[in-house]
């Protein structure tokens, strides 16, 4: 099996990714393009990978530069090799509950809920976003058994918003500068405060990230089997 990851601009792959591909035996190739690469250059490269029979999976690391259409790039990937599930065909199949590639992070969150035997897969879902008024966000969050936050807003979720014993899944990831001039990764959740209230909580880094990588391996394996006509 072979997975190709295409990087554009100042993005990075984690050590978890490289350790995982070595562990499961997938051959990986990373192609880095400069942020000045044109949309045509990117599409030509994707088309080349689509036609390469040695490539089972293609992942374009998002976001793309402003002068490039993210939707056009995602739709250029062969749906059969779209291991992050962002092609419009795969997203459509997902919406109608047909078998398809599920985006790796979302699939990782689902797997966390399953493995911890939480009742989240049959839950009533309430959707808020980063611009939801604070009082409304507190109102809905305080009533939630499971809070999944993926906004990229540091400390958006605070202890006063969390019901005692609730499950907190932090998908957010932001690089901030510390007082000593170094940088570190943090999530959307005030971990130190919320961990004193929550029954379950994922750290950042080391929580959802490794699960995302694991699901990427799963999707690559699925793509390889499908392309070879095996089950």
Protein backbone atom coordinates (compact mmCIF):
# COMPACT_ATOMS: atom_id res chain seq x y z
CA UNK A 1 0.00 0.00 0.00
CA UNK A 2 1.16 3.52 -0.72
CA UNK A 3 -0.15 6.82 0.64
CA UNK A 4 0.87 10.18 -0.79
CA UNK A 5 0.48 13.29 1.34
CA UNK A 6 0.69 16.62 -0.47
CA UNK A 7 1.71 19.59 1.67
CA UNK A 8 1.28 23.20 0.62
CA UNK A 9 2.69 26.15 2.54
CA UNK A 10 3.97 25.97 6.14
CA UNK A 11 2.22 22.83 7.29
CA UNK A 12 3.63 19.84 9.08
CA UNK A 13 3.09 16.15 9.70
CA UNK A 14 3.32 14.76 13.22
CA UNK A 15 5.66 12.08 14.51
CA UNK A 16 2.55 9.98 15.20
CA UNK A 17 1.91 9.86 11.45
CA UNK A 18 5.40 8.66 10.54
CA UNK A 19 5.46 6.15 13.41
CA UNK A 20 2.07 4.78 12.36
CA UNK A 21 2.94 4.22 8.72
CA UNK A 22 6.11 2.39 9.72
CA UNK A 23 4.19 0.25 12.21
CA UNK A 24 1.45 -0.85 9.78
CA UNK A 25 3.76 -1.19 6.76
CA UNK A 26 2.36 1.51 4.48
CA UNK A 27 4.76 3.22 2.09
CA UNK A 28 4.37 6.98 2.34
CA UNK A 29 5.61 9.81 0.16
CA UNK A 30 5.32 13.47 1.13
CA UNK A 31 5.27 16.08 -1.63
CA UNK A 32 5.77 19.64 -0.44
CA UNK A 33 4.77 22.53 -2.70
CA UNK A 34 5.63 26.17 -2.15
CA UNK A 35 2.78 28.47 -1.15
CA UNK A 36 3.26 30.21 -4.50
CA UNK A 37 2.23 27.05 -6.42
CA UNK A 38 -0.65 27.77 -8.77
CA UNK A 39 -3.93 25.92 -8.69
CA UNK A 40 -3.09 24.48 -12.11
CA UNK A 41 0.22 23.10 -10.76
CA UNK A 42 -1.60 21.43 -7.87
CA UNK A 43 -4.32 19.96 -10.08
CA UNK A 44 -1.75 18.59 -12.53
CA UNK A 45 0.08 16.86 -9.69
CA UNK A 46 -3.12 15.38 -8.29
CA UNK A 47 -4.08 14.11 -11.75
CA UNK A 48 -0.69 12.42 -12.03
CA UNK A 49 -1.19 10.70 -8.68
CA UNK A 50 -4.73 9.68 -9.64
CA UNK A 51 -3.31 7.81 -12.63
CA UNK A 52 -0.46 6.19 -10.69
CA UNK A 53 -1.45 2.57 -10.00
CA UNK A 54 1.13 2.33 -7.20
CA UNK A 55 -0.71 5.00 -5.19
CA UNK A 56 -3.67 3.81 -3.09
CA UNK A 57 -4.41 6.95 -1.11
CA UNK A 58 -4.04 10.71 -1.58
CA UNK A 59 -4.32 13.31 1.17
CA UNK A 60 -4.05 17.05 0.58
CA UNK A 61 -3.21 18.74 3.85
CA UNK A 62 -5.58 21.68 4.34
CA UNK A 63 -5.93 24.62 4.35
CA UNK A 64 -4.60 25.65 0.94
CA UNK A 65 -3.32 29.16 0.15
CA UNK A 66 -5.94 31.85 -0.47
CA UNK A 67 -5.36 31.95 -4.23
CA UNK A 68 -6.30 28.25 -4.52
CA UNK A 69 -9.85 26.87 -4.38
CA UNK A 70 -10.00 24.28 -1.61
CA UNK A 71 -13.15 22.72 -3.06
CA UNK A 72 -11.62 22.43 -6.54
CA UNK A 73 -8.53 20.75 -5.12
CA UNK A 74 -10.51 18.30 -2.97
CA UNK A 75 -12.76 17.39 -5.90
CA UNK A 76 -9.73 16.74 -8.12
CA UNK A 77 -8.68 13.74 -6.02
CA UNK A 78 -9.92 10.39 -7.35
CA UNK A 79 -12.82 9.51 -4.97
CA UNK A 80 -11.43 5.98 -4.72
CA UNK A 81 -8.15 7.38 -3.35
CA UNK A 82 -9.70 10.17 -1.27
CA UNK A 83 -8.63 8.83 2.12
CA UNK A 84 -9.70 11.95 4.04
CA UNK A 85 -13.23 11.83 2.60
CA UNK A 86 -13.37 15.40 1.29
CA UNK A 87 -14.36 14.73 -2.34
CA UNK A 88 -17.92 15.89 -2.99
CA UNK A 89 -18.95 12.34 -3.96
CA UNK A 90 -17.73 10.89 -0.69
CA UNK A 91 -19.26 13.70 1.35
CA UNK A 92 -22.58 13.13 -0.41
CA UNK A 93 -22.48 9.40 0.32
CA UNK A 94 -21.72 10.15 3.95
CA UNK A 95 -24.76 12.44 4.18
CA UNK A 96 -27.09 9.65 3.02
CA UNK A 97 -25.36 7.02 5.17
CA UNK A 98 -23.81 5.10 2.27
CA UNK A 99 -20.49 3.31 2.70
CA UNK A 100 -17.66 5.71 1.92
CA UNK A 101 -14.53 7.30 3.34
CA UNK A 102 -15.33 9.23 6.50
CA UNK A 103 -13.06 12.23 7.25
CA UNK A 104 -10.31 10.94 9.52
CA UNK A 105 -10.78 13.35 12.41
CA UNK A 106 -14.54 12.82 12.59
CA UNK A 107 -14.02 9.07 12.35
CA UNK A 108 -11.43 9.28 15.13
CA UNK A 109 -13.90 11.08 17.40
CA UNK A 110 -16.55 8.44 16.68
CA UNK A 111 -14.06 5.71 17.52
CA UNK A 112 -13.22 7.41 20.83
CA UNK A 113 -16.91 7.47 21.73
CA UNK A 114 -17.37 3.81 20.75
CA UNK A 115 -14.34 2.51 22.60
CA UNK A 116 -15.31 4.31 25.78
CA UNK A 117 -18.86 2.94 25.48
CA UNK A 118 -20.42 6.39 25.57
CA UNK A 119 -23.97 6.84 24.22
CA UNK A 120 -22.96 9.64 21.84
CA UNK A 121 -23.74 7.87 18.56
CA UNK A 122 -27.47 8.06 19.30
CA UNK A 123 -27.44 11.53 20.84
CA UNK A 124 -29.48 14.61 20.05
CA UNK A 125 -26.95 16.95 18.42
CA UNK A 126 -26.86 20.69 19.03
CA UNK A 127 -24.53 22.74 16.83
CA UNK A 128 -22.87 25.97 17.98
CA UNK A 129 -19.89 27.80 16.47
CA UNK A 130 -17.19 30.28 17.39
CA UNK A 131 -19.54 33.24 16.95
CA UNK A 132 -22.40 31.84 19.03
CA UNK A 133 -23.09 34.44 21.77
CA UNK A 134 -21.37 33.48 25.00
CA UNK A 135 -24.60 33.19 27.00
CA UNK A 136 -26.11 30.88 24.38
CA UNK A 137 -22.95 28.77 24.23
CA UNK A 138 -22.97 28.37 28.01
CA UNK A 139 -26.69 27.46 27.94
CA UNK A 140 -26.26 24.62 25.45
CA UNK A 141 -22.86 23.38 26.69
CA UNK A 142 -24.04 23.18 30.29
CA UNK A 143 -26.73 20.68 29.24
CA UNK A 144 -24.48 18.48 27.10
CA UNK A 145 -23.31 15.02 28.08
CA UNK A 146 -20.63 15.19 25.38
CA UNK A 147 -18.96 18.39 24.16
CA UNK A 148 -16.89 18.20 20.96
CA UNK A 149 -15.07 21.44 20.20
CA UNK A 150 -13.25 22.10 16.91
CA UNK A 151 -13.04 25.87 16.51
CA UNK A 152 -9.38 26.77 16.96
CA UNK A 153 -10.37 29.29 19.67
CA UNK A 154 -8.08 28.94 22.69
CA UNK A 155 -9.92 28.46 26.02
CA UNK A 156 -13.34 28.67 24.39
CA UNK A 157 -14.63 25.93 26.69
CA UNK A 158 -14.29 26.85 30.37
CA UNK A 159 -15.27 25.02 33.59
CA UNK A 160 -18.45 27.04 34.11
CA UNK A 161 -19.80 25.68 30.82
CA UNK A 162 -19.38 22.00 31.67
CA UNK A 163 -21.83 19.70 33.42
CA UNK A 164 -20.12 17.58 36.10
CA UNK A 165 -19.11 14.22 34.64
CA UNK A 166 -19.49 15.32 31.00
CA UNK A 167 -17.21 14.00 28.26
CA UNK A 168 -15.04 16.64 26.58
CA UNK A 169 -13.44 15.90 23.21
CA UNK A 170 -11.06 18.67 22.15
CA UNK A 171 -10.41 18.70 18.41
CA UNK A 172 -9.02 22.24 18.33
CA UNK A 173 -5.32 22.80 17.77
CA UNK A 174 -3.57 26.17 17.98
CA UNK A 175 0.12 26.98 18.32
CA UNK A 176 0.71 29.72 20.91
CA UNK A 177 3.79 31.41 22.30
CA UNK A 178 4.66 30.81 25.93
CA UNK A 179 6.12 33.31 28.40
CA UNK A 180 9.62 31.96 27.83
CA UNK A 181 9.39 32.65 24.11
CA UNK A 182 8.81 29.05 23.06
CA UNK A 183 5.69 27.69 21.39
CA UNK A 184 3.28 24.93 22.32
CA UNK A 185 0.09 23.36 20.99
CA UNK A 186 -3.17 23.90 22.84
CA UNK A 187 -6.80 23.07 22.16
CA UNK A 188 -10.13 24.86 22.53
CA UNK A 189 -10.61 23.70 26.11
CA UNK A 190 -9.20 25.15 29.34
CA UNK A 191 -7.76 21.74 30.17
CA UNK A 192 -6.57 22.45 33.71
CA UNK A 193 -9.90 23.90 34.78
CA UNK A 194 -12.29 21.67 32.83
CA UNK A 195 -10.50 18.45 33.80
CA UNK A 196 -11.60 19.09 37.40
CA UNK A 197 -15.26 19.00 36.31
CA UNK A 198 -15.40 16.59 33.38
CA UNK A 199 -15.70 12.84 33.64
CA UNK A 200 -13.63 12.29 30.49
CA UNK A 201 -11.40 14.76 28.62
CA UNK A 202 -8.93 14.49 25.74
CA UNK A 203 -5.59 16.34 25.97
CA UNK A 204 -3.98 18.45 23.24
CA UNK A 205 -1.71 17.21 21.89
CA UNK A 206 -2.06 13.46 22.29
CA UNK A 207 -5.84 13.07 22.26
CA UNK A 208 -7.77 13.27 19.01
CA UNK A 209 -4.59 13.64 16.92
CA UNK A 210 -3.37 10.04 17.27
CA UNK A 211 -6.90 8.79 16.59
CA UNK A 212 -6.99 10.86 13.38
CA UNK A 213 -3.74 9.22 12.29
CA UNK A 214 -5.10 5.75 13.12
CA UNK A 215 -8.20 6.39 11.02
CA UNK A 216 -6.01 7.61 8.15
CA UNK A 217 -4.27 4.24 8.24
CA UNK A 218 -7.66 2.52 8.27
CA UNK A 219 -8.92 4.52 5.28
CA UNK A 220 -5.70 3.85 3.33
CA UNK A 221 -6.10 0.14 3.93
CA UNK A 222 -9.73 0.35 2.82
CA UNK A 223 -8.75 2.20 -0.35
CA UNK A 224 -6.06 -0.34 -1.19
CA UNK A 225 -8.48 -3.24 -0.82
CA UNK A 226 -11.16 -1.51 -2.88
CA UNK A 227 -8.78 -0.62 -5.72
CA UNK A 228 -7.58 -4.22 -5.85
CA UNK A 229 -11.12 -5.57 -5.79
CA UNK A 230 -10.79 -7.37 -2.46
CA UNK A 231 -12.94 -7.14 0.69
